Amino acid sequence: MSRYQVRNLDPSDYATLMKLEIEIFGGDGEDVLGPYYVRLCCDFYNDTCFIVTHDGEPAGYILGFMRDRDAYCTTLAVMPKFQGTRAVHYLLRAFCQAVAPRADSCWFTVKEDNAAARAVHATLGAREVGVRKDFYGPGEDRIVSVIERDVFARLARRYKRLGFAENADSAAAPPDSRPMLLLGGRQGEVVPARYVEAS
């Protein structure tokens, strides 16, 4: 029986993530994550960054960070042979469980022509709130999307109902309703930030 395991990143995952990044995105001519950012995720932001393995083989990863009470999901990447499997669900569950108790929102960006990613964002309850012109340089516009606090609570309850989460009560919405700050993501991002559909 095959098994998926999800865990937080640690410093020893750096080389694995760089290899996955090149295998998943480099072949399509897309820019890959810089080594400094990957190192920061492995060493300092690993409370919101996860890797999923399938029978010990790296299948994908999700990278994100918190700023105050805002979560930013910068990359969700899954190896082609594991796309369309539960790998994505396990990564999203881990990220949601990590940020839901302390986030009022989760921000990400996507290319306008990435219909698959936008559909997944909508399924997760995201709202498209604007377009950032020239976000990654001239002509590199990105749609900005957000998942609000109340949606986190619904996602947590849904994951619990489906048997993916232990405690849905930790995502209860706090009374805080202050304005949110947007930082953004990077080129090639899709769900939430980047998810490459099987070809």
C-alpha atoms as a PDB file:
ATOM      1  CA  MET A   1       0.000   0.000   0.000  1.00  0.00           C
ATOM      2  CA  SER A   2       1.410   3.397  -0.968  1.00  0.00           C
ATOM      3  CA  ARG A   3       1.601   6.119   1.648  1.00  0.00           C
ATOM      4  CA  TYR A   4       1.862   9.875   1.611  1.00  0.00           C
ATOM      5  CA  GLN A   5       3.632  11.701   4.401  1.00  0.00           C
ATOM      6  CA  VAL A   6       3.664  15.462   4.912  1.00  0.00           C
ATOM      7  CA  ARG A   7       6.059  17.250   7.222  1.00  0.00           C
ATOM      8  CA  ASN A   8       7.514  20.678   7.811  1.00  0.00           C
ATOM      9  CA  LEU A   9      10.642  21.524   5.875  1.00  0.00           C
ATOM     10  CA  ASP A  10      13.980  21.424   7.639  1.00  0.00           C
ATOM     11  CA  PRO A  11      17.456  22.625   6.592  1.00  0.00           C
ATOM     12  CA  SER A  12      18.319  19.233   5.087  1.00  0.00           C
ATOM     13  CA  ASP A  13      15.511  19.674   2.490  1.00  0.00           C
ATOM     14  CA  TYR A  14      17.264  22.528   0.671  1.00  0.00           C
ATOM     15  CA  ALA A  15      18.925  20.411  -2.062  1.00  0.00           C
ATOM     16  CA  THR A  16      15.758  18.361  -2.579  1.00  0.00           C
ATOM     17  CA  LEU A  17      13.616  21.479  -3.038  1.00  0.00           C
ATOM     18  CA  MET A  18      16.053  23.041  -5.496  1.00  0.00           C
ATOM     19  CA  LYS A  19      16.045  19.801  -7.508  1.00  0.00           C
ATOM     20  CA  LEU A  20      12.227  19.620  -7.477  1.00  0.00           C
ATOM     21  CA  GLU A  21      12.011  23.273  -8.496  1.00  0.00           C
ATOM     22  CA  ILE A  22      14.194  22.646 -11.553  1.00  0.00           C
ATOM     23  CA  GLU A  23      12.380  19.421 -12.486  1.00  0.00           C
ATOM     24  CA  ILE A  24       8.893  20.925 -12.142  1.00  0.00           C
ATOM     25  CA  PHE A  25       9.408  24.435 -13.517  1.00  0.00           C
ATOM     26  CA  GLY A  26      12.825  24.661 -15.166  1.00  0.00           C
ATOM     27  CA  GLY A  27      11.960  22.411 -18.092  1.00  0.00           C
ATOM     28  CA  ASP A  28       9.163  24.721 -19.221  1.00  0.00           C
ATOM     29  CA  GLY A  29      11.499  27.691 -19.420  1.00  0.00           C
ATOM     30  CA  GLU A  30       9.988  29.299 -16.323  1.00  0.00           C
ATOM     31  CA  ASP A  31      12.107  31.046 -13.770  1.00  0.00           C
ATOM     32  CA  VAL A  32      12.856  28.951 -10.709  1.00  0.00           C
ATOM     33  CA  LEU A  33      12.963  30.084  -7.109  1.00  0.00           C
ATOM     34  CA  GLY A  34      16.161  31.724  -5.994  1.00  0.00           C
ATOM     35  CA  PRO A  35      18.383  29.672  -3.714  1.00  0.00           C
ATOM     36  CA  TYR A  36      18.249  32.303  -0.974  1.00  0.00           C
ATOM     37  CA  TYR A  37      14.462  32.181  -0.753  1.00  0.00           C
ATOM     38  CA  VAL A  38      14.469  28.370  -0.669  1.00  0.00           C
ATOM     39  CA  ARG A  39      17.089  28.457   2.095  1.00  0.00           C
ATOM     40  CA  LEU A  40      14.950  30.907   4.105  1.00  0.00           C
ATOM     41  CA  CYS A  41      11.939  28.603   3.727  1.00  0.00           C
ATOM     42  CA  CYS A  42      13.908  25.556   4.888  1.00  0.00           C
ATOM     43  CA  ASP A  43      15.576  27.300   7.825  1.00  0.00           C
ATOM     44  CA  PHE A  44      13.303  30.115   9.032  1.00  0.00           C
ATOM     45  CA  TYR A  45       9.786  29.887   7.542  1.00  0.00           C
ATOM     46  CA  ASN A  46       9.476  26.139   7.936  1.00  0.00           C
ATOM     47  CA  ASP A  47       6.474  26.470  10.248  1.00  0.00           C
ATOM     48  CA  THR A  48       4.435  27.298   7.107  1.00  0.00           C
ATOM     49  CA  CYS A  49       6.429  25.309   4.515  1.00  0.00           C
ATOM     50  CA  PHE A  50       5.889  21.604   3.874  1.00  0.00           C
ATOM     51  CA  ILE A  51       7.097  18.706   1.750  1.00  0.00           C
ATOM     52  CA  VAL A  52       5.012  15.668   0.809  1.00  0.00           C
ATOM     53  CA  THR A  53       6.577  12.305   0.035  1.00  0.00           C
ATOM     54  CA  HIS A  54       5.063   9.180  -1.451  1.00  0.00           C
ATOM     55  CA  ASP A  55       6.686   6.013  -0.130  1.00  0.00           C
ATOM     56  CA  GLY A  56       9.732   8.154   0.689  1.00  0.00           C
ATOM     57  CA  GLU A  57       9.958   9.810  -2.742  1.00  0.00           C
ATOM     58  CA  PRO A  58       9.563  13.623  -2.777  1.00  0.00           C
ATOM     59  CA  ALA A  59       6.260  14.371  -4.518  1.00  0.00           C
ATOM     60  CA  GLY A  60       5.832  18.112  -3.953  1.00  0.00           C
ATOM     61  CA  TYR A  61       6.037  21.072  -1.616  1.00  0.00           C
ATOM     62  CA  ILE A  62       4.233  24.199  -0.487  1.00  0.00           C
ATOM     63  CA  LEU A  63       5.981  27.402   0.575  1.00  0.00           C
ATOM     64  CA  GLY A  64       4.477  30.283   2.470  1.00  0.00           C
ATOM     65  CA  PHE A  65       5.009  32.675   5.331  1.00  0.00           C
ATOM     66  CA  MET A  66       3.138  34.846   7.801  1.00  0.00           C
ATOM     67  CA  ARG A  67       3.325  38.600   8.234  1.00  0.00           C
ATOM     68  CA  ASP A  68       1.344  39.803  11.199  1.00  0.00           C
ATOM     69  CA  ARG A  69      -2.037  38.077  10.689  1.00  0.00           C
ATOM     70  CA  ASP A  70      -1.705  37.704   6.916  1.00  0.00           C
ATOM     71  CA  ALA A  71      -0.545  34.471   5.267  1.00  0.00           C
ATOM     72  CA  TYR A  72       1.210  34.475   1.909  1.00  0.00           C
ATOM     73  CA  CYS A  73       1.340  31.267  -0.092  1.00  0.00           C
ATOM     74  CA  THR A  74       4.092  31.651  -2.654  1.00  0.00           C
ATOM     75  CA  THR A  75       4.429  28.205  -4.227  1.00  0.00           C
ATOM     76  CA  LEU A  76       2.585  24.908  -4.447  1.00  0.00           C
ATOM     77  CA  ALA A  77       4.507  22.497  -6.654  1.00  0.00           C
ATOM     78  CA  VAL A  78       3.828  18.826  -7.402  1.00  0.00           C
ATOM     79  CA  MET A  79       5.880  16.484  -9.562  1.00  0.00           C
ATOM     80  CA  PRO A  80       4.027  15.557 -12.787  1.00  0.00           C
ATOM     81  CA  LYS A  81       3.637  11.886 -11.838  1.00  0.00           C
ATOM     82  CA  PHE A  82       1.864  12.914  -8.606  1.00  0.00           C
ATOM     83  CA  GLN A  83      -0.411  15.564 -10.101  1.00  0.00           C
ATOM     84  CA  GLY A  84      -4.050  14.597  -9.803  1.00  0.00           C
ATOM     85  CA  THR A  85      -3.331  12.565  -6.654  1.00  0.00           C
ATOM     86  CA  ARG A  86      -3.899  13.365  -2.991  1.00  0.00           C
ATOM     87  CA  ALA A  87      -0.492  15.058  -2.754  1.00  0.00           C
ATOM     88  CA  VAL A  88      -2.049  18.486  -3.356  1.00  0.00           C
ATOM     89  CA  HIS A  89      -4.748  17.890  -0.732  1.00  0.00           C
ATOM     90  CA  TYR A  90      -2.188  16.880   1.888  1.00  0.00           C
ATOM     91  CA  LEU A  91      -0.067  19.958   1.202  1.00  0.00           C
ATOM     92  CA  LEU A  92      -3.052  22.316   1.309  1.00  0.00           C
ATOM     93  CA  ARG A  93      -4.293  20.712   4.503  1.00  0.00           C
ATOM     94  CA  ALA A  94      -0.910  21.122   6.204  1.00  0.00           C
ATOM     95  CA  PHE A  95      -0.649  24.755   5.131  1.00  0.00           C
ATOM     96  CA  CYS A  96      -4.240  25.581   6.139  1.00  0.00           C
ATOM     97  CA  GLN A  97      -3.799  23.941   9.538  1.00  0.00           C
ATOM     98  CA  ALA A  98      -0.572  25.883  10.090  1.00  0.00           C
ATOM     99  CA  VAL A  99      -1.934  29.315   9.196  1.00  0.00           C
ATOM    100  CA  ALA A 100      -5.667  29.173   9.995  1.00  0.00           C
ATOM    101  CA  PRO A 101      -5.349  29.687  13.764  1.00  0.00           C
ATOM    102  CA  ARG A 102      -3.256  32.837  13.288  1.00  0.00           C
ATOM    103  CA  ALA A 103      -4.261  34.299   9.914  1.00  0.00           C
ATOM    104  CA  ASP A 104      -7.045  36.657   8.937  1.00  0.00           C
ATOM    105  CA  SER A 105      -6.319  36.179   5.245  1.00  0.00           C
ATOM    106  CA  CYS A 106      -4.193  34.286   2.745  1.00  0.00           C
ATOM    107  CA  TRP A 107      -2.905  36.123  -0.324  1.00  0.00           C
ATOM    108  CA  PHE A 108      -1.575  34.802  -3.614  1.00  0.00           C
ATOM    109  CA  THR A 109      -1.219  35.828  -7.238  1.00  0.00           C
ATOM    110  CA  VAL A 110      -1.859  34.109 -10.564  1.00  0.00           C
ATOM    111  CA  LYS A 111      -1.472  34.740 -14.286  1.00  0.00           C
ATOM    112  CA  GLU A 112      -4.715  35.818 -15.952  1.00  0.00           C
ATOM    113  CA  ASP A 113      -4.555  33.026 -18.545  1.00  0.00           C
ATOM    114  CA  ASN A 114      -4.156  30.267 -15.949  1.00  0.00           C
ATOM    115  CA  ALA A 115      -7.770  29.102 -15.925  1.00  0.00           C
ATOM    116  CA  ALA A 116      -7.002  25.864 -14.069  1.00  0.00           C
ATOM    117  CA  ALA A 117      -5.387  27.664 -11.141  1.00  0.00           C
ATOM    118  CA  ARG A 118      -8.117  30.278 -10.997  1.00  0.00           C
ATOM    119  CA  ALA A 119     -10.733  27.510 -10.861  1.00  0.00           C
ATOM    120  CA  VAL A 120      -8.937  25.858  -7.950  1.00  0.00           C
ATOM    121  CA  HIS A 121      -8.660  29.216  -6.188  1.00  0.00           C
ATOM    122  CA  ALA A 122     -12.415  29.671  -6.562  1.00  0.00           C
ATOM    123  CA  THR A 123     -13.015  26.165  -5.205  1.00  0.00           C
ATOM    124  CA  LEU A 124     -10.950  27.094  -2.146  1.00  0.00           C
ATOM    125  CA  GLY A 125     -13.145  30.163  -1.645  1.00  0.00           C
ATOM    126  CA  ALA A 126     -10.726  32.800  -2.917  1.00  0.00           C
ATOM    127  CA  ARG A 127     -11.870  36.157  -4.239  1.00  0.00           C
ATOM    128  CA  GLU A 128     -10.030  37.961  -7.008  1.00  0.00           C
ATOM    129  CA  VAL A 129      -9.518  41.470  -5.647  1.00  0.00           C
ATOM    130  CA  GLY A 130      -7.416  43.205  -8.275  1.00  0.00           C
ATOM    131  CA  VAL A 131      -4.630  43.136 -10.825  1.00  0.00           C
ATOM    132  CA  ARG A 132      -1.042  44.171 -10.166  1.00  0.00           C
ATOM    133  CA  LYS A 133       0.332  45.616 -13.407  1.00  0.00           C
ATOM    134  CA  ASP A 134       3.938  44.749 -14.290  1.00  0.00           C
ATOM    135  CA  PHE A 135       4.240  42.742 -11.060  1.00  0.00           C
ATOM    136  CA  TYR A 136       7.296  40.823 -12.318  1.00  0.00           C
ATOM    137  CA  GLY A 137       8.356  43.366 -14.912  1.00  0.00           C
ATOM    138  CA  PRO A 138       6.828  44.868 -18.056  1.00  0.00           C
ATOM    139  CA  GLY A 139       3.838  42.853 -19.225  1.00  0.00           C
ATOM    140  CA  GLU A 140       4.019  40.463 -16.262  1.00  0.00           C
ATOM    141  CA  ASP A 141       0.659  41.306 -14.681  1.00  0.00           C
ATOM    142  CA  ARG A 142      -0.846  39.148 -11.937  1.00  0.00           C
ATOM    143  CA  ILE A 143      -4.333  38.747 -10.536  1.00  0.00           C
ATOM    144  CA  VAL A 144      -4.342  39.155  -6.770  1.00  0.00           C
ATOM    145  CA  SER A 145      -6.598  36.795  -4.814  1.00  0.00           C
ATOM    146  CA  VAL A 146      -7.426  36.423  -1.149  1.00  0.00           C
ATOM    147  CA  ILE A 147      -8.992  33.802   1.081  1.00  0.00           C
ATOM    148  CA  GLU A 148     -10.647  35.531   4.047  1.00  0.00           C
ATOM    149  CA  ARG A 149     -10.812  34.367   7.666  1.00  0.00           C
ATOM    150  CA  ASP A 150     -14.369  33.011   7.518  1.00  0.00           C
ATOM    151  CA  VAL A 151     -13.408  30.840   4.537  1.00  0.00           C
ATOM    152  CA  PHE A 152     -10.509  29.384   6.548  1.00  0.00           C
ATOM    153  CA  ALA A 153     -13.049  28.254   9.140  1.00  0.00           C
ATOM    154  CA  ARG A 154     -15.216  26.615   6.458  1.00  0.00           C
ATOM    155  CA  LEU A 155     -12.169  24.899   4.921  1.00  0.00           C
ATOM    156  CA  ALA A 156     -11.121  23.576   8.320  1.00  0.00           C
ATOM    157  CA  ARG A 157     -14.612  22.164   8.926  1.00  0.00           C
ATOM    158  CA  ARG A 158     -14.652  20.597   5.459  1.00  0.00           C
ATOM    159  CA  TYR A 159     -11.221  18.998   5.962  1.00  0.00           C
ATOM    160  CA  LYS A 160     -12.384  17.639   9.315  1.00  0.00           C
ATOM    161  CA  ARG A 161     -15.609  16.255   7.820  1.00  0.00           C
ATOM    162  CA  LEU A 162     -13.600  14.544   5.063  1.00  0.00           C
ATOM    163  CA  GLY A 163     -11.224  13.071   7.628  1.00  0.00           C
ATOM    164  CA  PHE A 164      -8.265  15.265   6.666  1.00  0.00           C
ATOM    165  CA  ALA A 165      -8.093  17.356   9.856  1.00  0.00           C
ATOM    166  CA  GLU A 166      -8.259  16.697  13.552  1.00  0.00           C
ATOM    167  CA  ASN A 167      -9.554  20.028  14.911  1.00  0.00           C
ATOM    168  CA  ALA A 168     -11.762  22.404  12.976  1.00  0.00           C
ATOM    169  CA  ASP A 169     -12.476  24.583  16.004  1.00  0.00           C
ATOM    170  CA  SER A 170      -9.009  26.195  15.959  1.00  0.00           C
ATOM    171  CA  ALA A 171     -10.013  28.182  12.874  1.00  0.00           C
ATOM    172  CA  ALA A 172     -12.868  30.082  14.508  1.00  0.00           C
ATOM    173  CA  ALA A 173     -12.833  33.665  13.323  1.00  0.00           C
ATOM    174  CA  PRO A 174     -11.535  36.288  15.771  1.00  0.00           C
ATOM    175  CA  PRO A 175     -13.274  39.648  16.155  1.00  0.00           C
ATOM    176  CA  ASP A 176     -10.336  41.456  14.504  1.00  0.00           C
ATOM    177  CA  SER A 177     -11.342  42.921  11.133  1.00  0.00           C
ATOM    178  CA  ARG A 178      -8.456  45.286  10.415  1.00  0.00           C
ATOM    179  CA  PRO A 179      -7.321  46.056   6.843  1.00  0.00           C
ATOM    180  CA  MET A 180      -4.953  43.598   5.173  1.00  0.00           C
ATOM    181  CA  LEU A 181      -1.599  44.189   3.478  1.00  0.00           C
ATOM    182  CA  LEU A 182      -0.589  42.605   0.175  1.00  0.00           C
ATOM    183  CA  LEU A 183       2.935  41.479  -0.609  1.00  0.00           C
ATOM    184  CA  GLY A 184       2.347  39.190  -3.570  1.00  0.00           C
ATOM    185  CA  GLY A 185       4.013  36.150  -5.096  1.00  0.00           C
ATOM    186  CA  ARG A 186       6.279  35.312  -8.021  1.00  0.00           C
ATOM    187  CA  GLN A 187       6.222  34.405 -11.698  1.00  0.00           C
ATOM    188  CA  GLY A 188       4.635  31.095 -12.608  1.00  0.00           C
ATOM    189  CA  GLU A 189       2.541  30.902  -9.509  1.00  0.00           C
ATOM    190  CA  VAL A 190      -0.732  29.208  -9.555  1.00  0.00           C
ATOM    191  CA  VAL A 191      -2.533  27.412  -6.732  1.00  0.00           C
ATOM    192  CA  PRO A 192      -2.134  29.090  -4.241  1.00  0.00           C
ATOM    193  CA  ALA A 193       0.733  30.597  -6.103  1.00  0.00           C
ATOM    194  CA  ARG A 194       1.831  27.781  -8.430  1.00  0.00           C
ATOM    195  CA  TYR A 195       0.424  24.412  -9.327  1.00  0.00           C
ATOM    196  CA  VAL A 196       1.321  22.758 -12.597  1.00  0.00           C
ATOM    197  CA  GLU A 197      -1.530  20.784 -14.110  1.00  0.00           C
ATOM    198  CA  ALA A 198      -0.793  17.386 -15.600  1.00  0.00           C
ATOM    199  CA  SER A 199      -0.110  17.633 -19.301  1.00  0.00           C
END
